[in-house]
Amino acid sequence: MAYQSLEDIINLCEEKDIPFWEAVLQDDINERTIPVEESYDKMREMWHAMLRASEGYQKELMSRSGLVGGMGGKMEAYRQSGQTLCGDFMSRVIVQALEMGESNACMKRIVAAPTAGACGVLPAVLVPLYQEGKAPEDRMIEALYVAAGIGQVIAARAFIAGASGGCQAEIGSASAMAAGALVYLKGGSNRQIVHGAAMALKNLLGLVCDPVAGLVEVPCVKRNVIGAVNGLSCADMALAGIESRIPPDQVIDAMREVGEKMDESLKETGKGGIANTPAGREVWEKVL
């Protein structure tokens, strides 16, 4: 990828008077030397895969470990009761995040966005909007380009893998991607897009990766909910005109610094944090 910073993308957008998503699209076709149609069709395929994953959720399925399964179904039943504290739309986001995370744990087909462990964040905020008719498919695909550009810069300047930088690199990056995509869908400016992403990433700075028994199930699935809800709140702040006091690229650099200083036991090894609790160790012994 040609872009090494979010500021690079912003500058190109201003220079060529193009939207954020188009700058990312142009970089993709230049890097892979492919026609525009091929790049766009591939992104459309990703979007359709997200929709299929949402439609294919089965609440009766449990992961092989027995740790997760059915939570999406329970949350959907609660949403339909009309008693949620969060309201209907936010509850739909929570449902979607749980369903995607559980589908991943149950070995169903999902879209890594940017990783399998964070697969529920982006679809959780986009699919309900689409299903409610708030944006057509073409806009959703453009929003995915926005998310991809943010994720690529984070990967270039820091990391997106929990084994490298903790869960801040997975759920944090996904949340930043979701925030940027949402700002775009709501008509925000290019600078609002990157500030929404920066605030989302900043809010999850230091989040450790501590999967119980080394499985991407507990606490991973529920962290997808946090990433999605955080992305929504940061998108709204950005759209309100609130900015990150620390420049977006510097926030990414800070995430890298925190990840480099994080103890190895908190980087997807299953040896620290939640995984190292008595209950966590008990699960490890049963799984082994």
C-alpha atoms as a PDB file:
ATOM      1  CA  MET A   1       0.000   0.000   0.000  1.00  0.00           C
ATOM      2  CA  ALA A   2       1.324   3.413  -0.942  1.00  0.00           C
ATOM      3  CA  TYR A   3      -0.209   5.159   2.060  1.00  0.00           C
ATOM      4  CA  GLN A   4       1.869   5.122   5.220  1.00  0.00           C
ATOM      5  CA  SER A   5      -0.386   7.507   7.117  1.00  0.00           C
ATOM      6  CA  LEU A   6      -3.964   8.675   7.279  1.00  0.00           C
ATOM      7  CA  GLU A   7      -2.651  12.160   6.571  1.00  0.00           C
ATOM      8  CA  ASP A   8      -1.320  10.874   3.225  1.00  0.00           C
ATOM      9  CA  ILE A   9      -4.834   9.804   2.267  1.00  0.00           C
ATOM     10  CA  ILE A  10      -6.332  13.112   3.389  1.00  0.00           C
ATOM     11  CA  ASN A  11      -3.751  15.097   1.416  1.00  0.00           C
ATOM     12  CA  LEU A  12      -4.388  13.114  -1.758  1.00  0.00           C
ATOM     13  CA  CYS A  13      -8.138  13.556  -1.347  1.00  0.00           C
ATOM     14  CA  GLU A  14      -7.699  17.315  -1.066  1.00  0.00           C
ATOM     15  CA  GLU A  15      -5.230  17.455  -3.948  1.00  0.00           C
ATOM     16  CA  LYS A  16      -7.447  15.470  -6.350  1.00  0.00           C
ATOM     17  CA  ASP A  17     -10.798  16.504  -4.846  1.00  0.00           C
ATOM     18  CA  ILE A  18     -11.903  12.906  -4.346  1.00  0.00           C
ATOM     19  CA  PRO A  19     -13.611  11.136  -1.425  1.00  0.00           C
ATOM     20  CA  PHE A  20     -11.660   8.978   1.021  1.00  0.00           C
ATOM     21  CA  TRP A  21     -12.977   5.722  -0.382  1.00  0.00           C
ATOM     22  CA  GLU A  22     -11.876   6.547  -3.919  1.00  0.00           C
ATOM     23  CA  ALA A  23      -8.320   7.241  -2.770  1.00  0.00           C
ATOM     24  CA  VAL A  24      -8.224   3.750  -1.269  1.00  0.00           C
ATOM     25  CA  LEU A  25      -9.728   2.231  -4.406  1.00  0.00           C
ATOM     26  CA  GLN A  26      -7.129   3.938  -6.596  1.00  0.00           C
ATOM     27  CA  ASP A  27      -4.325   2.641  -4.404  1.00  0.00           C
ATOM     28  CA  ASP A  28      -5.682  -0.899  -4.678  1.00  0.00           C
ATOM     29  CA  ILE A  29      -5.892  -0.899  -8.476  1.00  0.00           C
ATOM     30  CA  ASN A  30      -2.430   0.669  -8.770  1.00  0.00           C
ATOM     31  CA  GLU A  31      -0.801  -1.745  -6.334  1.00  0.00           C
ATOM     32  CA  ARG A  32      -2.370  -4.868  -7.844  1.00  0.00           C
ATOM     33  CA  THR A  33      -2.476  -3.511 -11.422  1.00  0.00           C
ATOM     34  CA  ILE A  34      -6.089  -4.500 -11.907  1.00  0.00           C
ATOM     35  CA  PRO A  35      -9.120  -2.769 -13.468  1.00  0.00           C
ATOM     36  CA  VAL A  36     -11.422  -0.718 -11.267  1.00  0.00           C
ATOM     37  CA  GLU A  37     -14.206  -3.226 -11.861  1.00  0.00           C
ATOM     38  CA  GLU A  38     -12.142  -6.101 -10.480  1.00  0.00           C
ATOM     39  CA  SER A  39     -11.353  -4.254  -7.277  1.00  0.00           C
ATOM     40  CA  TYR A  40     -14.955  -3.146  -6.841  1.00  0.00           C
ATOM     41  CA  ASP A  41     -16.327  -6.613  -7.548  1.00  0.00           C
ATOM     42  CA  LYS A  42     -13.991  -8.086  -4.928  1.00  0.00           C
ATOM     43  CA  MET A  43     -15.202  -5.607  -2.323  1.00  0.00           C
ATOM     44  CA  ARG A  44     -18.800  -6.340  -3.280  1.00  0.00           C
ATOM     45  CA  GLU A  45     -18.051 -10.028  -2.742  1.00  0.00           C
ATOM     46  CA  MET A  46     -16.767  -9.199   0.761  1.00  0.00           C
ATOM     47  CA  TRP A  47     -19.972  -7.301   1.503  1.00  0.00           C
ATOM     48  CA  HIS A  48     -22.144 -10.166   0.283  1.00  0.00           C
ATOM     49  CA  ALA A  49     -20.107 -12.575   2.426  1.00  0.00           C
ATOM     50  CA  MET A  50     -20.893 -10.426   5.475  1.00  0.00           C
ATOM     51  CA  LEU A  51     -24.583 -10.512   4.627  1.00  0.00           C
ATOM     52  CA  ARG A  52     -24.522 -14.272   4.135  1.00  0.00           C
ATOM     53  CA  ALA A  53     -22.732 -14.767   7.431  1.00  0.00           C
ATOM     54  CA  SER A  54     -25.410 -12.699   9.142  1.00  0.00           C
ATOM     55  CA  GLU A  55     -28.236 -14.624   7.498  1.00  0.00           C
ATOM     56  CA  GLY A  56     -26.592 -17.983   8.242  1.00  0.00           C
ATOM     57  CA  TYR A  57     -26.320 -17.610  12.023  1.00  0.00           C
ATOM     58  CA  GLN A  58     -27.713 -20.598  13.923  1.00  0.00           C
ATOM     59  CA  LYS A  59     -28.530 -19.933  17.555  1.00  0.00           C
ATOM     60  CA  GLU A  60     -28.577 -23.652  18.406  1.00  0.00           C
ATOM     61  CA  LEU A  61     -24.923 -24.130  17.448  1.00  0.00           C
ATOM     62  CA  MET A  62     -22.236 -24.340  20.140  1.00  0.00           C
ATOM     63  CA  SER A  63     -18.493 -24.189  19.653  1.00  0.00           C
ATOM     64  CA  ARG A  64     -16.618 -27.471  20.089  1.00  0.00           C
ATOM     65  CA  SER A  65     -15.343 -26.274  23.458  1.00  0.00           C
ATOM     66  CA  GLY A  66     -18.877 -25.449  24.600  1.00  0.00           C
ATOM     67  CA  LEU A  67     -17.749 -21.985  25.665  1.00  0.00           C
ATOM     68  CA  VAL A  68     -19.889 -19.959  23.280  1.00  0.00           C
ATOM     69  CA  GLY A  69     -23.095 -20.350  21.303  1.00  0.00           C
ATOM     70  CA  GLY A  70     -26.637 -19.071  21.520  1.00  0.00           C
ATOM     71  CA  MET A  71     -25.776 -15.634  22.898  1.00  0.00           C
ATOM     72  CA  GLY A  72     -26.849 -13.936  19.697  1.00  0.00           C
ATOM     73  CA  GLY A  73     -30.186 -15.717  19.902  1.00  0.00           C
ATOM     74  CA  LYS A  74     -30.691 -14.682  23.511  1.00  0.00           C
ATOM     75  CA  MET A  75     -29.858 -11.059  22.749  1.00  0.00           C
ATOM     76  CA  GLU A  76     -32.227 -11.056  19.776  1.00  0.00           C
ATOM     77  CA  ALA A  77     -35.061 -12.390  21.945  1.00  0.00           C
ATOM     78  CA  TYR A  78     -34.340  -9.681  24.508  1.00  0.00           C
ATOM     79  CA  ARG A  79     -34.276  -7.028  21.763  1.00  0.00           C
ATOM     80  CA  GLN A  80     -37.656  -8.152  20.538  1.00  0.00           C
ATOM     81  CA  SER A  81     -39.058  -7.804  24.053  1.00  0.00           C
ATOM     82  CA  GLY A  82     -38.682  -4.043  23.716  1.00  0.00           C
ATOM     83  CA  GLN A  83     -37.116  -3.782  27.171  1.00  0.00           C
ATOM     84  CA  THR A  84     -33.511  -3.011  26.231  1.00  0.00           C
ATOM     85  CA  LEU A  85     -31.689  -0.102  27.811  1.00  0.00           C
ATOM     86  CA  CYS A  86     -29.840   0.629  24.568  1.00  0.00           C
ATOM     87  CA  GLY A  87     -32.834   0.959  22.282  1.00  0.00           C
ATOM     88  CA  ASP A  88     -33.626  -1.055  19.181  1.00  0.00           C
ATOM     89  CA  PHE A  89     -30.819  -0.060  16.818  1.00  0.00           C
ATOM     90  CA  MET A  90     -27.995  -0.389  19.332  1.00  0.00           C
ATOM     91  CA  SER A  91     -29.452  -3.715  20.417  1.00  0.00           C
ATOM     92  CA  ARG A  92     -29.396  -4.901  16.808  1.00  0.00           C
ATOM     93  CA  VAL A  93     -25.713  -3.946  16.664  1.00  0.00           C
ATOM     94  CA  ILE A  94     -25.050  -6.004  19.799  1.00  0.00           C
ATOM     95  CA  VAL A  95     -26.958  -8.952  18.340  1.00  0.00           C
ATOM     96  CA  GLN A  96     -24.988  -8.785  15.112  1.00  0.00           C
ATOM     97  CA  ALA A  97     -21.620  -8.586  16.868  1.00  0.00           C
ATOM     98  CA  LEU A  98     -22.418 -11.622  19.019  1.00  0.00           C
ATOM     99  CA  GLU A  99     -23.734 -13.617  16.095  1.00  0.00           C
ATOM    100  CA  MET A 100     -20.645 -12.985  13.969  1.00  0.00           C
ATOM    101  CA  GLY A 101     -18.272 -13.796  16.811  1.00  0.00           C
ATOM    102  CA  GLU A 102     -20.117 -17.013  17.583  1.00  0.00           C
ATOM    103  CA  SER A 103     -20.213 -17.997  13.921  1.00  0.00           C
ATOM    104  CA  ASN A 104     -16.436 -17.645  13.838  1.00  0.00           C
ATOM    105  CA  ALA A 105     -16.091 -19.856  16.929  1.00  0.00           C
ATOM    106  CA  CYS A 106     -18.396 -22.427  15.326  1.00  0.00           C
ATOM    107  CA  MET A 107     -16.233 -22.560  12.181  1.00  0.00           C
ATOM    108  CA  LYS A 108     -18.769 -20.916   9.893  1.00  0.00           C
ATOM    109  CA  ARG A 109     -17.656 -18.656   7.058  1.00  0.00           C
ATOM    110  CA  ILE A 110     -16.961 -15.074   8.132  1.00  0.00           C
ATOM    111  CA  VAL A 111     -14.981 -12.072   6.877  1.00  0.00           C
ATOM    112  CA  ALA A 112     -11.786 -11.211   8.732  1.00  0.00           C
ATOM    113  CA  ALA A 113     -12.143  -7.462   9.251  1.00  0.00           C
ATOM    114  CA  PRO A 114      -9.303  -6.996   9.894  1.00  0.00           C
ATOM    115  CA  THR A 115      -8.948 -10.359  11.714  1.00  0.00           C
ATOM    116  CA  ALA A 116     -11.166 -13.350  12.433  1.00  0.00           C
ATOM    117  CA  GLY A 117     -11.186 -12.499  16.136  1.00  0.00           C
ATOM    118  CA  ALA A 118     -12.612  -9.064  15.316  1.00  0.00           C
ATOM    119  CA  CYS A 119     -14.927 -10.273  12.539  1.00  0.00           C
ATOM    120  CA  GLY A 120     -18.095  -9.055  14.256  1.00  0.00           C
ATOM    121  CA  VAL A 121     -17.318  -5.363  14.677  1.00  0.00           C
ATOM    122  CA  LEU A 122     -17.653  -3.992  11.151  1.00  0.00           C
ATOM    123  CA  PRO A 123     -20.695  -6.038  10.075  1.00  0.00           C
ATOM    124  CA  ALA A 124     -22.354  -5.273  13.406  1.00  0.00           C
ATOM    125  CA  VAL A 125     -22.578  -1.583  12.535  1.00  0.00           C
ATOM    126  CA  LEU A 126     -23.062  -1.882   8.771  1.00  0.00           C
ATOM    127  CA  VAL A 127     -25.534  -4.741   8.335  1.00  0.00           C
ATOM    128  CA  PRO A 128     -28.298  -3.251  10.544  1.00  0.00           C
ATOM    129  CA  LEU A 129     -28.003   0.096   8.720  1.00  0.00           C
ATOM    130  CA  TYR A 130     -28.349  -1.664   5.396  1.00  0.00           C
ATOM    131  CA  GLN A 131     -31.241  -3.827   6.557  1.00  0.00           C
ATOM    132  CA  GLU A 132     -33.064  -0.721   7.768  1.00  0.00           C
ATOM    133  CA  GLY A 133     -32.648   0.913   4.348  1.00  0.00           C
ATOM    134  CA  LYS A 134     -30.391   3.680   5.669  1.00  0.00           C
ATOM    135  CA  ALA A 135     -27.841   3.228   2.857  1.00  0.00           C
ATOM    136  CA  PRO A 136     -27.836   1.410  -0.507  1.00  0.00           C
ATOM    137  CA  GLU A 137     -25.384  -1.351  -1.366  1.00  0.00           C
ATOM    138  CA  ASP A 138     -23.041   0.889  -3.361  1.00  0.00           C
ATOM    139  CA  ARG A 139     -22.578   3.178  -0.363  1.00  0.00           C
ATOM    140  CA  MET A 140     -21.892   0.169   1.845  1.00  0.00           C
ATOM    141  CA  ILE A 141     -19.170  -0.986  -0.515  1.00  0.00           C
ATOM    142  CA  GLU A 142     -17.642   2.495  -0.506  1.00  0.00           C
ATOM    143  CA  ALA A 143     -17.728   2.420   3.297  1.00  0.00           C
ATOM    144  CA  LEU A 144     -15.792  -0.852   3.194  1.00  0.00           C
ATOM    145  CA  TYR A 145     -13.073   0.889   1.169  1.00  0.00           C
ATOM    146  CA  VAL A 146     -12.931   3.566   3.864  1.00  0.00           C
ATOM    147  CA  ALA A 147     -12.570   0.892   6.528  1.00  0.00           C
ATOM    148  CA  ALA A 148      -9.941  -0.932   4.471  1.00  0.00           C
ATOM    149  CA  GLY A 149      -7.845   2.204   4.091  1.00  0.00           C
ATOM    150  CA  ILE A 150      -7.874   2.834   7.829  1.00  0.00           C
ATOM    151  CA  GLY A 151      -6.999  -0.785   8.555  1.00  0.00           C
ATOM    152  CA  GLN A 152      -4.150  -0.784   6.050  1.00  0.00           C
ATOM    153  CA  VAL A 153      -2.554   2.279   7.614  1.00  0.00           C
ATOM    154  CA  ILE A 154      -2.852   0.766  11.091  1.00  0.00           C
ATOM    155  CA  ALA A 155      -1.239  -2.429   9.795  1.00  0.00           C
ATOM    156  CA  ALA A 156       1.576  -0.435   8.186  1.00  0.00           C
ATOM    157  CA  ARG A 157       2.300   1.802  11.188  1.00  0.00           C
ATOM    158  CA  ALA A 158       1.531  -0.660  13.995  1.00  0.00           C
ATOM    159  CA  PHE A 159      -0.171  -4.069  13.861  1.00  0.00           C
ATOM    160  CA  ILE A 160      -3.578  -5.725  13.586  1.00  0.00           C
ATOM    161  CA  ALA A 161      -2.736  -9.107  15.158  1.00  0.00           C
ATOM    162  CA  GLY A 162      -3.383  -9.871  18.808  1.00  0.00           C
ATOM    163  CA  ALA A 163      -0.188 -11.917  18.932  1.00  0.00           C
ATOM    164  CA  SER A 164       1.757  -8.780  18.014  1.00  0.00           C
ATOM    165  CA  GLY A 165      -0.007  -6.014  19.899  1.00  0.00           C
ATOM    166  CA  GLY A 166      -2.782  -7.405  22.081  1.00  0.00           C
ATOM    167  CA  CYS A 167      -6.499  -7.081  21.493  1.00  0.00           C
ATOM    168  CA  GLN A 168      -6.131  -3.330  20.971  1.00  0.00           C
ATOM    169  CA  ALA A 169      -4.626  -4.337  17.621  1.00  0.00           C
ATOM    170  CA  GLU A 170      -7.622  -6.500  16.698  1.00  0.00           C
ATOM    171  CA  ILE A 171     -10.783  -5.093  18.283  1.00  0.00           C
ATOM    172  CA  GLY A 172      -9.215  -1.627  18.486  1.00  0.00           C
ATOM    173  CA  SER A 173      -8.381  -1.584  14.787  1.00  0.00           C
ATOM    174  CA  ALA A 174     -11.793  -3.003  13.862  1.00  0.00           C
ATOM    175  CA  SER A 175     -13.495  -0.355  15.980  1.00  0.00           C
ATOM    176  CA  ALA A 176     -11.490   2.384  14.268  1.00  0.00           C
ATOM    177  CA  MET A 177     -12.414   0.962  10.869  1.00  0.00           C
ATOM    178  CA  ALA A 178     -16.082   0.828  11.873  1.00  0.00           C
ATOM    179  CA  ALA A 179     -16.073   4.401  13.157  1.00  0.00           C
ATOM    180  CA  GLY A 180     -14.538   5.711   9.944  1.00  0.00           C
ATOM    181  CA  ALA A 181     -16.981   3.764   7.790  1.00  0.00           C
ATOM    182  CA  LEU A 182     -19.937   5.094   9.768  1.00  0.00           C
ATOM    183  CA  VAL A 183     -18.756   8.694   9.535  1.00  0.00           C
ATOM    184  CA  TYR A 184     -18.527   8.299   5.769  1.00  0.00           C
ATOM    185  CA  LEU A 185     -22.017   6.780   5.538  1.00  0.00           C
ATOM    186  CA  LYS A 186     -23.453   9.697   7.506  1.00  0.00           C
ATOM    187  CA  GLY A 187     -21.878  12.260   5.188  1.00  0.00           C
ATOM    188  CA  GLY A 188     -18.919  13.251   7.336  1.00  0.00           C
ATOM    189  CA  SER A 189     -15.813  14.891   5.924  1.00  0.00           C
ATOM    190  CA  ASN A 190     -12.538  13.089   5.273  1.00  0.00           C
ATOM    191  CA  ARG A 191     -11.037  14.623   8.405  1.00  0.00           C
ATOM    192  CA  GLN A 192     -14.052  13.600  10.460  1.00  0.00           C
ATOM    193  CA  ILE A 193     -13.515  10.046   9.184  1.00  0.00           C
ATOM    194  CA  VAL A 194      -9.953   9.830  10.512  1.00  0.00           C
ATOM    195  CA  HIS A 195     -10.777  11.583  13.791  1.00  0.00           C
ATOM    196  CA  GLY A 196     -13.619   9.157  14.417  1.00  0.00           C
ATOM    197  CA  ALA A 197     -11.180   6.312  13.801  1.00  0.00           C
ATOM    198  CA  ALA A 198      -8.575   7.876  16.092  1.00  0.00           C
ATOM    199  CA  MET A 199     -11.005   8.287  18.980  1.00  0.00           C
ATOM    200  CA  ALA A 200     -12.191   4.703  18.619  1.00  0.00           C
ATOM    201  CA  LEU A 201      -8.648   3.345  18.663  1.00  0.00           C
ATOM    202  CA  LYS A 202      -7.649   5.614  21.528  1.00  0.00           C
ATOM    203  CA  ASN A 203     -10.542   4.378  23.668  1.00  0.00           C
ATOM    204  CA  LEU A 204      -9.307   0.789  23.428  1.00  0.00           C
ATOM    205  CA  LEU A 205      -5.611   1.490  23.887  1.00  0.00           C
ATOM    206  CA  GLY A 206      -4.015  -1.149  26.102  1.00  0.00           C
ATOM    207  CA  LEU A 207      -6.693  -3.812  25.590  1.00  0.00           C
ATOM    208  CA  VAL A 208      -4.959  -7.151  26.126  1.00  0.00           C
ATOM    209  CA  CYS A 209      -5.412 -10.386  24.193  1.00  0.00           C
ATOM    210  CA  ASP A 210      -6.073 -13.105  26.773  1.00  0.00           C
ATOM    211  CA  PRO A 211      -8.158 -15.881  25.174  1.00  0.00           C
ATOM    212  CA  VAL A 212      -9.230 -18.592  27.580  1.00  0.00           C
ATOM    213  CA  ALA A 213      -7.585 -21.902  26.612  1.00  0.00           C
ATOM    214  CA  GLY A 214      -6.092 -20.101  23.642  1.00  0.00           C
ATOM    215  CA  LEU A 215      -9.447 -20.154  21.822  1.00  0.00           C
ATOM    216  CA  VAL A 216     -10.939 -17.126  20.066  1.00  0.00           C
ATOM    217  CA  GLU A 217     -14.112 -17.396  22.136  1.00  0.00           C
ATOM    218  CA  VAL A 218     -13.868 -16.000  25.680  1.00  0.00           C
ATOM    219  CA  PRO A 219     -13.664 -13.032  26.105  1.00  0.00           C
ATOM    220  CA  CYS A 220     -13.254 -12.431  22.371  1.00  0.00           C
ATOM    221  CA  VAL A 221     -16.879 -12.708  21.221  1.00  0.00           C
ATOM    222  CA  LYS A 222     -18.182 -10.158  23.715  1.00  0.00           C
ATOM    223  CA  ARG A 223     -15.302  -7.810  22.915  1.00  0.00           C
ATOM    224  CA  ASN A 224     -16.693  -7.562  19.408  1.00  0.00           C
ATOM    225  CA  VAL A 225     -19.716  -5.905  21.019  1.00  0.00           C
ATOM    226  CA  ILE A 226     -17.497  -3.360  22.752  1.00  0.00           C
ATOM    227  CA  GLY A 227     -15.692  -2.601  19.499  1.00  0.00           C
ATOM    228  CA  ALA A 228     -18.957  -2.026  17.639  1.00  0.00           C
ATOM    229  CA  VAL A 229     -20.579   0.145  20.301  1.00  0.00           C
ATOM    230  CA  ASN A 230     -17.372   2.141  20.720  1.00  0.00           C
ATOM    231  CA  GLY A 231     -17.234   2.689  16.962  1.00  0.00           C
ATOM    232  CA  LEU A 232     -20.783   4.055  16.950  1.00  0.00           C
ATOM    233  CA  SER A 233     -20.172   6.473  19.788  1.00  0.00           C
ATOM    234  CA  CYS A 234     -16.930   7.759  18.245  1.00  0.00           C
ATOM    235  CA  ALA A 235     -18.556   8.197  14.842  1.00  0.00           C
ATOM    236  CA  ASP A 236     -21.261  10.328  16.440  1.00  0.00           C
ATOM    237  CA  MET A 237     -18.665  12.408  18.283  1.00  0.00           C
ATOM    238  CA  ALA A 238     -16.744  12.997  15.064  1.00  0.00           C
ATOM    239  CA  LEU A 239     -19.941  13.941  13.211  1.00  0.00           C
ATOM    240  CA  ALA A 240     -20.708  16.408  16.002  1.00  0.00           C
ATOM    241  CA  GLY A 241     -17.400  18.137  15.243  1.00  0.00           C
ATOM    242  CA  ILE A 242     -15.388  16.633  18.110  1.00  0.00           C
ATOM    243  CA  GLU A 243     -11.797  15.767  17.228  1.00  0.00           C
ATOM    244  CA  SER A 244      -9.050  13.691  18.765  1.00  0.00           C
ATOM    245  CA  ARG A 245      -6.660  16.092  20.488  1.00  0.00           C
ATOM    246  CA  ILE A 246      -3.861  13.741  19.455  1.00  0.00           C
ATOM    247  CA  PRO A 247      -3.473  13.531  15.638  1.00  0.00           C
ATOM    248  CA  PRO A 248      -4.822  10.245  14.236  1.00  0.00           C
ATOM    249  CA  ASP A 249      -1.485   8.932  12.970  1.00  0.00           C
ATOM    250  CA  GLN A 250       0.105   9.633  16.347  1.00  0.00           C
ATOM    251  CA  VAL A 251      -2.662   7.634  18.021  1.00  0.00           C
ATOM    252  CA  ILE A 252      -1.735   4.666  15.812  1.00  0.00           C
ATOM    253  CA  ASP A 253       1.932   5.121  16.748  1.00  0.00           C
ATOM    254  CA  ALA A 254       0.958   5.162  20.422  1.00  0.00           C
ATOM    255  CA  MET A 255      -0.903   1.888  19.945  1.00  0.00           C
ATOM    256  CA  ARG A 256       2.247   0.377  18.498  1.00  0.00           C
ATOM    257  CA  GLU A 257       4.281   1.585  21.487  1.00  0.00           C
ATOM    258  CA  VAL A 258       1.797   0.143  23.961  1.00  0.00           C
ATOM    259  CA  GLY A 259       1.738  -3.162  22.099  1.00  0.00           C
ATOM    260  CA  GLU A 260       5.517  -3.404  22.048  1.00  0.00           C
ATOM    261  CA  LYS A 261       5.627  -2.853  25.801  1.00  0.00           C
ATOM    262  CA  MET A 262       2.853  -5.339  26.523  1.00  0.00           C
ATOM    263  CA  ASP A 263       3.934  -8.527  28.275  1.00  0.00           C
ATOM    264  CA  GLU A 264       3.967 -11.624  26.072  1.00  0.00           C
ATOM    265  CA  SER A 265       1.465 -13.333  28.389  1.00  0.00           C
ATOM    266  CA  LEU A 266      -1.096 -10.758  27.215  1.00  0.00           C
ATOM    267  CA  LYS A 267      -0.568 -11.331  23.489  1.00  0.00           C
ATOM    268  CA  GLU A 268      -2.784 -14.251  22.504  1.00  0.00           C
ATOM    269  CA  THR A 269      -0.738 -16.827  24.389  1.00  0.00           C
ATOM    270  CA  GLY A 270      -3.591 -17.755  26.734  1.00  0.00           C
ATOM    271  CA  LYS A 271      -1.239 -17.386  29.693  1.00  0.00           C
ATOM    272  CA  GLY A 272      -2.328 -14.109  31.276  1.00  0.00           C
ATOM    273  CA  GLY A 273      -5.318 -11.960  32.123  1.00  0.00           C
ATOM    274  CA  ILE A 274      -8.729 -13.652  31.923  1.00  0.00           C
ATOM    275  CA  ALA A 275      -7.062 -16.821  30.642  1.00  0.00           C
ATOM    276  CA  ASN A 276      -5.002 -17.062  33.828  1.00  0.00           C
ATOM    277  CA  THR A 277      -7.919 -16.893  36.256  1.00  0.00           C
ATOM    278  CA  PRO A 278      -8.805 -20.074  38.171  1.00  0.00           C
ATOM    279  CA  ALA A 279     -11.850 -20.562  35.963  1.00  0.00           C
ATOM    280  CA  GLY A 280      -9.783 -19.892  32.858  1.00  0.00           C
ATOM    281  CA  ARG A 281      -7.134 -22.433  33.833  1.00  0.00           C
ATOM    282  CA  GLU A 282      -9.864 -24.964  34.573  1.00  0.00           C
ATOM    283  CA  VAL A 283     -11.225 -24.562  31.052  1.00  0.00           C
ATOM    284  CA  TRP A 284      -7.699 -24.977  29.670  1.00  0.00           C
ATOM    285  CA  GLU A 285      -7.306 -28.278  31.503  1.00  0.00           C
ATOM    286  CA  LYS A 286     -10.649 -29.558  30.203  1.00  0.00           C
ATOM    287  CA  VAL A 287      -9.868 -28.549  26.635  1.00  0.00           C
ATOM    288  CA  LEU A 288      -6.467 -30.221  26.763  1.00  0.00           C
END
